[in-house]
């Protein structure tokens, strides 16, 4: 699970999220949902996340979606 998280510390920080062992699965599920990849397909998810955060405008949208969905489930 979440093999790509080590690459996302800055994204999580920008979104104001603190990822812990107790909420890591929730974050992983949210990210899978945002990028439209079935849960637990780590490498496919990371590929899609990279597409979403490549440009500044799409990166901002990704972070906004992440924050919004996080707030919904918290």
N, C-alpha and C. Protein backbone atom coordinates (compact mmCIF):
# COMPACT_ATOMS: atom_id res chain seq x y z
N UNK A 1 0.83 -1.18 0.00
CA UNK A 1 0.00 0.00 0.00
C UNK A 1 0.88 1.25 0.00
N UNK A 2 0.47 2.20 -0.77
CA UNK A 2 1.04 3.54 -0.79
C UNK A 2 2.54 3.59 -1.07
N UNK A 3 2.97 2.81 -2.04
CA UNK A 3 4.38 2.80 -2.41
C UNK A 3 4.86 4.17 -2.88
N UNK A 4 3.94 5.01 -3.32
CA UNK A 4 4.29 6.32 -3.86
C UNK A 4 4.30 7.42 -2.80
N UNK A 5 3.90 7.14 -1.59
CA UNK A 5 3.80 8.18 -0.55
C UNK A 5 5.13 8.87 -0.29
N UNK A 6 6.22 8.15 -0.41
CA UNK A 6 7.53 8.76 -0.12
C UNK A 6 7.83 9.91 -1.08
N UNK A 7 7.14 9.95 -2.21
CA UNK A 7 7.33 11.01 -3.20
C UNK A 7 6.37 12.18 -2.98
N UNK A 8 5.45 12.04 -2.03
CA UNK A 8 4.36 13.01 -1.92
C UNK A 8 4.41 13.87 -0.66
N UNK A 9 5.50 13.86 0.05
CA UNK A 9 5.57 14.64 1.30
C UNK A 9 5.25 16.12 1.07
N UNK A 10 5.76 16.68 -0.01
CA UNK A 10 5.50 18.10 -0.28
C UNK A 10 4.02 18.33 -0.60
N UNK A 11 3.42 17.42 -1.34
CA UNK A 11 1.98 17.52 -1.67
C UNK A 11 1.16 17.48 -0.39
N UNK A 12 1.45 16.51 0.48
CA UNK A 12 0.73 16.41 1.74
C UNK A 12 0.91 17.67 2.58
N UNK A 13 2.10 18.19 2.60
CA UNK A 13 2.38 19.40 3.35
C UNK A 13 1.58 20.58 2.79
N UNK A 14 1.57 20.72 1.47
CA UNK A 14 0.82 21.80 0.84
C UNK A 14 -0.68 21.67 1.09
N UNK A 15 -1.15 20.45 1.24
CA UNK A 15 -2.57 20.21 1.50
C UNK A 15 -2.89 20.34 2.98
N UNK A 16 -1.85 20.47 3.80
CA UNK A 16 -2.07 20.60 5.23
C UNK A 16 -2.40 19.29 5.92
N UNK A 17 -1.96 18.19 5.32
CA UNK A 17 -2.25 16.86 5.87
C UNK A 17 -1.03 16.29 6.56
N UNK A 18 -1.26 15.71 7.71
CA UNK A 18 -0.21 14.97 8.39
C UNK A 18 -0.56 13.49 8.26
N UNK A 19 0.27 12.78 7.52
CA UNK A 19 0.02 11.36 7.28
C UNK A 19 0.69 10.56 8.39
N UNK A 20 -0.12 9.73 9.03
CA UNK A 20 0.37 8.87 10.11
C UNK A 20 0.04 7.43 9.76
N UNK A 21 0.55 6.51 10.54
CA UNK A 21 0.26 5.10 10.29
C UNK A 21 -1.23 4.81 10.44
N UNK A 22 -1.92 5.59 11.26
CA UNK A 22 -3.35 5.34 11.46
C UNK A 22 -4.24 5.94 10.37
N UNK A 23 -3.76 6.92 9.61
CA UNK A 23 -4.60 7.51 8.56
C UNK A 23 -4.05 7.29 7.15
N UNK A 24 -2.97 6.55 7.04
CA UNK A 24 -2.33 6.33 5.75
C UNK A 24 -3.25 5.61 4.76
N UNK A 25 -3.98 4.62 5.22
CA UNK A 25 -4.88 3.87 4.34
C UNK A 25 -5.99 4.79 3.81
N UNK A 26 -6.52 5.64 4.68
CA UNK A 26 -7.56 6.57 4.26
C UNK A 26 -7.03 7.50 3.17
N UNK A 27 -5.83 8.03 3.37
CA UNK A 27 -5.23 8.91 2.37
C UNK A 27 -5.02 8.17 1.05
N UNK A 28 -4.56 6.95 1.14
CA UNK A 28 -4.32 6.13 -0.05
C UNK A 28 -5.62 5.92 -0.82
N UNK A 29 -6.69 5.61 -0.12
CA UNK A 29 -7.98 5.40 -0.77
C UNK A 29 -8.49 6.68 -1.43
N UNK A 30 -8.31 7.80 -0.78
CA UNK A 30 -8.74 9.08 -1.34
C UNK A 30 -7.96 9.38 -2.62
N UNK A 31 -6.68 9.17 -2.60
CA UNK A 31 -5.85 9.44 -3.78
C UNK A 31 -6.25 8.53 -4.93
N UNK A 32 -6.48 7.27 -4.65
CA UNK A 32 -6.94 6.35 -5.70
C UNK A 32 -8.25 6.86 -6.31
N UNK A 33 -9.14 7.33 -5.46
CA UNK A 33 -10.43 7.85 -5.93
C UNK A 33 -10.23 9.09 -6.81
N UNK A 34 -9.38 10.00 -6.37
CA UNK A 34 -9.14 11.24 -7.13
C UNK A 34 -8.62 10.94 -8.53
N UNK A 35 -7.67 10.02 -8.64
CA UNK A 35 -7.06 9.75 -9.94
C UNK A 35 -7.80 8.68 -10.74
N UNK A 36 -8.82 8.05 -10.13
CA UNK A 36 -9.65 7.10 -10.86
C UNK A 36 -9.00 5.75 -11.11
N UNK A 37 -8.24 5.27 -10.15
CA UNK A 37 -7.58 3.97 -10.27
C UNK A 37 -8.11 3.06 -9.16
N UNK A 38 -8.36 1.80 -9.49
CA UNK A 38 -8.83 0.85 -8.50
C UNK A 38 -7.88 0.78 -7.32
N UNK A 39 -8.45 0.64 -6.14
CA UNK A 39 -7.66 0.62 -4.92
C UNK A 39 -6.66 -0.53 -4.92
N UNK A 40 -5.49 -0.22 -4.42
CA UNK A 40 -4.34 -1.10 -4.26
C UNK A 40 -3.53 -1.31 -5.53
N UNK A 41 -3.76 -0.51 -6.56
CA UNK A 41 -2.92 -0.57 -7.76
C UNK A 41 -1.91 0.57 -7.67
N UNK A 42 -0.87 0.30 -6.91
CA UNK A 42 0.08 1.33 -6.51
C UNK A 42 0.79 2.00 -7.69
N UNK A 43 1.42 1.23 -8.54
CA UNK A 43 2.19 1.84 -9.62
C UNK A 43 1.30 2.58 -10.62
N UNK A 44 0.10 2.06 -10.87
CA UNK A 44 -0.84 2.75 -11.75
C UNK A 44 -1.27 4.08 -11.13
N UNK A 45 -1.48 4.05 -9.82
CA UNK A 45 -1.89 5.27 -9.11
C UNK A 45 -0.79 6.31 -9.17
N UNK A 46 0.44 5.91 -8.92
CA UNK A 46 1.56 6.86 -8.95
C UNK A 46 1.70 7.47 -10.33
N UNK A 47 1.52 6.68 -11.37
CA UNK A 47 1.59 7.22 -12.74
C UNK A 47 0.54 8.31 -12.94
N UNK A 48 -0.67 8.06 -12.48
CA UNK A 48 -1.75 9.04 -12.63
C UNK A 48 -1.50 10.28 -11.75
N UNK A 49 -1.00 10.06 -10.55
CA UNK A 49 -0.71 11.20 -9.67
C UNK A 49 0.32 12.10 -10.33
N UNK A 50 1.36 11.51 -10.90
CA UNK A 50 2.39 12.32 -11.57
C UNK A 50 1.79 13.16 -12.69
N UNK A 51 0.83 12.60 -13.42
CA UNK A 51 0.14 13.37 -14.47
C UNK A 51 -0.60 14.55 -13.85
N UNK A 52 -1.27 14.29 -12.73
CA UNK A 52 -2.08 15.32 -12.07
C UNK A 52 -1.24 16.44 -11.47
N UNK A 53 -0.02 16.15 -11.07
CA UNK A 53 0.78 17.18 -10.40
C UNK A 53 1.89 17.75 -11.28
N UNK A 54 1.90 17.38 -12.54
CA UNK A 54 2.97 17.82 -13.45
C UNK A 54 2.93 19.33 -13.69
N UNK A 55 1.78 19.87 -13.95
CA UNK A 55 1.64 21.31 -14.22
C UNK A 55 1.12 22.00 -12.97
N UNK A 56 1.50 23.25 -12.78
CA UNK A 56 1.10 23.98 -11.59
C UNK A 56 -0.41 24.06 -11.43
N UNK A 57 -1.14 24.29 -12.51
CA UNK A 57 -2.60 24.42 -12.41
C UNK A 57 -3.26 23.10 -12.03
N UNK A 58 -2.80 22.00 -12.63
CA UNK A 58 -3.39 20.71 -12.28
C UNK A 58 -2.94 20.26 -10.90
N UNK A 59 -1.73 20.66 -10.50
CA UNK A 59 -1.23 20.35 -9.16
C UNK A 59 -2.12 21.02 -8.11
N UNK A 60 -2.46 22.27 -8.34
CA UNK A 60 -3.32 23.01 -7.42
C UNK A 60 -4.70 22.36 -7.33
N UNK A 61 -5.23 21.91 -8.45
CA UNK A 61 -6.53 21.23 -8.46
C UNK A 61 -6.46 19.92 -7.69
N UNK A 62 -5.37 19.17 -7.89
CA UNK A 62 -5.19 17.91 -7.18
C UNK A 62 -5.15 18.14 -5.67
N UNK A 63 -4.39 19.13 -5.25
CA UNK A 63 -4.27 19.44 -3.83
C UNK A 63 -5.62 19.89 -3.26
N UNK A 64 -6.36 20.68 -4.01
CA UNK A 64 -7.68 21.13 -3.56
C UNK A 64 -8.63 19.94 -3.40
N UNK A 65 -8.60 19.01 -4.36
CA UNK A 65 -9.45 17.82 -4.26
C UNK A 65 -9.04 16.97 -3.06
N UNK A 66 -7.76 16.83 -2.86
CA UNK A 66 -7.25 16.05 -1.73
C UNK A 66 -7.73 16.65 -0.41
N UNK A 67 -7.60 17.96 -0.27
CA UNK A 67 -8.04 18.64 0.95
C UNK A 67 -9.54 18.48 1.15
N UNK A 68 -10.31 18.64 0.08
CA UNK A 68 -11.76 18.55 0.16
C UNK A 68 -12.21 17.15 0.56
N UNK A 69 -11.68 16.15 -0.10
CA UNK A 69 -12.08 14.77 0.21
C UNK A 69 -11.63 14.37 1.61
N UNK A 70 -10.46 14.85 2.02
CA UNK A 70 -9.97 14.58 3.37
C UNK A 70 -10.94 15.15 4.41
N UNK A 71 -11.41 16.37 4.16
CA UNK A 71 -12.34 17.02 5.08
C UNK A 71 -13.67 16.26 5.15
N UNK A 72 -14.10 15.68 4.02
CA UNK A 72 -15.35 14.93 3.98
C UNK A 72 -15.31 13.70 4.88
N UNK A 73 -14.18 13.04 4.93
CA UNK A 73 -14.09 11.78 5.68
C UNK A 73 -13.52 11.97 7.09
N UNK A 74 -13.09 13.16 7.41
CA UNK A 74 -12.53 13.40 8.74
C UNK A 74 -13.59 13.81 9.74
